[in-house]
PDB file of N, CA and C in Angstrom:
ATOM      1  N   MET A   1      11.912  -9.200  12.370  1.00  0.00           N
ATOM      2  CA  MET A   1      11.405  -8.019  11.723  1.00  0.00           C
ATOM      3  C   MET A   1      12.516  -7.379  10.900  1.00  0.00           C
ATOM      4  N   GLY A   2      12.119  -6.630   9.912  1.00  0.00           N
ATOM      5  CA  GLY A   2      13.076  -5.966   9.053  1.00  0.00           C
ATOM      6  C   GLY A   2      12.372  -5.405   7.852  1.00  0.00           C
ATOM      7  N   ALA A   3      13.132  -5.066   6.860  1.00  0.00           N
ATOM      8  CA  ALA A   3      12.567  -4.435   5.666  1.00  0.00           C
ATOM      9  C   ALA A   3      11.546  -5.318   4.978  1.00  0.00           C
ATOM     10  N   SER A   4      11.791  -6.623   4.914  1.00  0.00           N
ATOM     11  CA  SER A   4      10.844  -7.496   4.218  1.00  0.00           C
ATOM     12  C   SER A   4       9.531  -7.610   4.980  1.00  0.00           C
ATOM     13  N   SER A   5       9.571  -7.638   6.304  1.00  0.00           N
ATOM     14  CA  SER A   5       8.328  -7.711   7.069  1.00  0.00           C
ATOM     15  C   SER A   5       7.586  -6.381   7.030  1.00  0.00           C
ATOM     16  N   ASP A   6       8.296  -5.262   6.909  1.00  0.00           N
ATOM     17  CA  ASP A   6       7.657  -3.951   6.806  1.00  0.00           C
ATOM     18  C   ASP A   6       6.869  -3.815   5.513  1.00  0.00           C
ATOM     19  N   ALA A   7       7.272  -4.537   4.483  1.00  0.00           N
ATOM     20  CA  ALA A   7       6.629  -4.430   3.174  1.00  0.00           C
ATOM     21  C   ALA A   7       5.391  -5.305   3.053  1.00  0.00           C
ATOM     22  N   GLN A   8       5.154  -6.167   4.019  1.00  0.00           N
ATOM     23  CA  GLN A   8       4.030  -7.091   3.930  1.00  0.00           C
ATOM     24  C   GLN A   8       2.746  -6.434   4.429  1.00  0.00           C
ATOM     25  N   PHE A   9       1.643  -6.793   3.773  1.00  0.00           N
ATOM     26  CA  PHE A   9       0.332  -6.316   4.199  1.00  0.00           C
ATOM     27  C   PHE A   9      -0.179  -7.179   5.344  1.00  0.00           C
ATOM     28  N   GLN A  10      -0.892  -6.532   6.251  1.00  0.00           N
ATOM     29  CA  GLN A  10      -1.598  -7.234   7.308  1.00  0.00           C
ATOM     30  C   GLN A  10      -3.067  -6.831   7.196  1.00  0.00           C
ATOM     31  N   HIS A  11      -3.800  -7.548   6.374  1.00  0.00           N
ATOM     32  CA  HIS A  11      -5.214  -7.309   6.110  1.00  0.00           C
ATOM     33  C   HIS A  11      -5.411  -6.079   5.212  1.00  0.00           C
ATOM     34  N   ALA A  12      -4.995  -6.234   3.971  1.00  0.00           N
ATOM     35  CA  ALA A  12      -5.258  -5.189   2.971  1.00  0.00           C
ATOM     36  C   ALA A  12      -6.765  -5.114   2.782  1.00  0.00           C
ATOM     37  N   PHE A  13      -7.342  -3.960   3.048  1.00  0.00           N
ATOM     38  CA  PHE A  13      -8.794  -3.833   3.107  1.00  0.00           C
ATOM     39  C   PHE A  13      -9.398  -3.215   1.855  1.00  0.00           C
ATOM     40  N   ASP A  14      -8.744  -2.213   1.289  1.00  0.00           N
ATOM     41  CA  ASP A  14      -9.316  -1.500   0.156  1.00  0.00           C
ATOM     42  C   ASP A  14      -8.183  -0.878  -0.647  1.00  0.00           C
ATOM     43  N   LEU A  15      -8.489  -0.501  -1.881  1.00  0.00           N
ATOM     44  CA  LEU A  15      -7.489   0.185  -2.688  1.00  0.00           C
ATOM     45  C   LEU A  15      -8.154   1.206  -3.574  1.00  0.00           C
ATOM     46  N   ALA A  16      -7.333   2.165  -4.018  1.00  0.00           N
ATOM     47  CA  ALA A  16      -7.800   3.214  -4.922  1.00  0.00           C
ATOM     48  C   ALA A  16      -6.675   3.530  -5.895  1.00  0.00           C
ATOM     49  N   VAL A  17      -7.061   4.013  -7.069  1.00  0.00           N
ATOM     50  CA  VAL A  17      -6.099   4.393  -8.099  1.00  0.00           C
ATOM     51  C   VAL A  17      -6.418   5.821  -8.527  1.00  0.00           C
ATOM     52  N   ASN A  18      -5.395   6.678  -8.572  1.00  0.00           N
ATOM     53  CA  ASN A  18      -5.637   8.058  -8.985  1.00  0.00           C
ATOM     54  C   ASN A  18      -5.416   8.222 -10.487  1.00  0.00           C
ATOM     55  N   GLN A  19      -5.531   9.452 -10.964  1.00  0.00           N
ATOM     56  CA  GLN A  19      -5.431   9.722 -12.403  1.00  0.00           C
ATOM     57  C   GLN A  19      -4.047   9.452 -12.969  1.00  0.00           C
ATOM     58  N   ARG A  20      -3.028   9.435 -12.117  1.00  0.00           N
ATOM     59  CA  ARG A  20      -1.656   9.137 -12.569  1.00  0.00           C
ATOM     60  C   ARG A  20      -1.342   7.645 -12.473  1.00  0.00           C
ATOM     61  N   SER A  21      -2.344   6.841 -12.139  1.00  0.00           N
ATOM     62  CA  SER A  21      -2.225   5.384 -11.979  1.00  0.00           C
ATOM     63  C   SER A  21      -1.457   4.977 -10.726  1.00  0.00           C
ATOM     64  N   ASP A  22      -1.284   5.900  -9.751  1.00  0.00           N
ATOM     65  CA  ASP A  22      -0.705   5.529  -8.465  1.00  0.00           C
ATOM     66  C   ASP A  22      -1.743   4.707  -7.707  1.00  0.00           C
ATOM     67  N   VAL A  23      -1.290   3.687  -6.996  1.00  0.00           N
ATOM     68  CA  VAL A  23      -2.195   2.788  -6.280  1.00  0.00           C
ATOM     69  C   VAL A  23      -2.040   3.020  -4.776  1.00  0.00           C
ATOM     70  N   TYR A  24      -3.161   3.209  -4.083  1.00  0.00           N
ATOM     71  CA  TYR A  24      -3.201   3.395  -2.637  1.00  0.00           C
ATOM     72  C   TYR A  24      -3.888   2.181  -2.029  1.00  0.00           C
ATOM     73  N   VAL A  25      -3.225   1.539  -1.062  1.00  0.00           N
ATOM     74  CA  VAL A  25      -3.775   0.340  -0.434  1.00  0.00           C
ATOM     75  C   VAL A  25      -3.934   0.597   1.059  1.00  0.00           C
ATOM     76  N   ALA A  26      -5.153   0.417   1.571  1.00  0.00           N
ATOM     77  CA  ALA A  26      -5.415   0.540   3.001  1.00  0.00           C
ATOM     78  C   ALA A  26      -4.997  -0.763   3.672  1.00  0.00           C
ATOM     79  N   ASP A  27      -3.972  -0.678   4.508  1.00  0.00           N
ATOM     80  CA  ASP A  27      -3.409  -1.827   5.214  1.00  0.00           C
ATOM     81  C   ASP A  27      -3.893  -1.743   6.660  1.00  0.00           C
ATOM     82  N   THR A  28      -5.032  -2.340   6.937  1.00  0.00           N
ATOM     83  CA  THR A  28      -5.775  -2.122   8.170  1.00  0.00           C
ATOM     84  C   THR A  28      -4.996  -2.455   9.437  1.00  0.00           C
ATOM     85  N   PHE A  29      -4.448  -3.646   9.546  1.00  0.00           N
ATOM     86  CA  PHE A  29      -3.804  -4.050  10.798  1.00  0.00           C
ATOM     87  C   PHE A  29      -2.456  -3.367  11.017  1.00  0.00           C
ATOM     88  N   ASN A  30      -1.857  -2.815   9.977  1.00  0.00           N
ATOM     89  CA  ASN A  30      -0.625  -2.036  10.127  1.00  0.00           C
ATOM     90  C   ASN A  30      -0.921  -0.549  10.302  1.00  0.00           C
ATOM     91  N   ASN A  31      -2.203  -0.175  10.275  1.00  0.00           N
ATOM     92  CA  ASN A  31      -2.623   1.222  10.464  1.00  0.00           C
ATOM     93  C   ASN A  31      -1.910   2.173   9.512  1.00  0.00           C
ATOM     94  N   ARG A  32      -1.922   1.838   8.232  1.00  0.00           N
ATOM     95  CA  ARG A  32      -1.246   2.689   7.254  1.00  0.00           C
ATOM     96  C   ARG A  32      -1.889   2.565   5.881  1.00  0.00           C
ATOM     97  N   ILE A  33      -1.543   3.494   5.040  1.00  0.00           N
ATOM     98  CA  ILE A  33      -1.899   3.427   3.626  1.00  0.00           C
ATOM     99  C   ILE A  33      -0.591   3.348   2.858  1.00  0.00           C
ATOM    100  N   GLN A  34      -0.431   2.304   2.069  1.00  0.00           N
ATOM    101  CA  GLN A  34       0.769   2.162   1.249  1.00  0.00           C
ATOM    102  C   GLN A  34       0.485   2.727  -0.135  1.00  0.00           C
ATOM    103  N   VAL A  35       1.456   3.446  -0.662  1.00  0.00           N
ATOM    104  CA  VAL A  35       1.315   4.073  -1.972  1.00  0.00           C
ATOM    105  C   VAL A  35       2.341   3.470  -2.917  1.00  0.00           C
ATOM    106  N   PHE A  36       1.857   3.046  -4.075  1.00  0.00           N
ATOM    107  CA  PHE A  36       2.716   2.515  -5.122  1.00  0.00           C
ATOM    108  C   PHE A  36       2.618   3.475  -6.296  1.00  0.00           C
ATOM    109  N   ARG A  37       3.693   4.190  -6.548  1.00  0.00           N
ATOM    110  CA  ARG A  37       3.703   5.205  -7.594  1.00  0.00           C
ATOM    111  C   ARG A  37       4.194   4.601  -8.902  1.00  0.00           C
ATOM    112  N   VAL A  38       3.449   4.882  -9.956  1.00  0.00           N
ATOM    113  CA  VAL A  38       3.804   4.399 -11.284  1.00  0.00           C
ATOM    114  C   VAL A  38       4.528   5.523 -12.011  1.00  0.00           C
ATOM    115  N   ARG A  39       5.729   5.252 -12.432  1.00  0.00           N
ATOM    116  CA  ARG A  39       6.507   6.253 -13.161  1.00  0.00           C
ATOM    117  C   ARG A  39       7.048   5.625 -14.431  1.00  0.00           C
ATOM    118  N   ASN A  40       6.987   6.373 -15.520  1.00  0.00           N
ATOM    119  CA  ASN A  40       7.509   5.882 -16.799  1.00  0.00           C
ATOM    120  C   ASN A  40       8.930   6.314 -16.995  1.00  0.00           C
TER     121      ASN A  40
END
């Protein structure tokens, strides 16, 4: 385990994108929502 394993999805179930183009991914088996922020 480590940083690389923490970044991996375990059953990505759904995603959403907000008005700023940030992406939210529901990572079901890790019990979390990962957020990817888009910045220019």
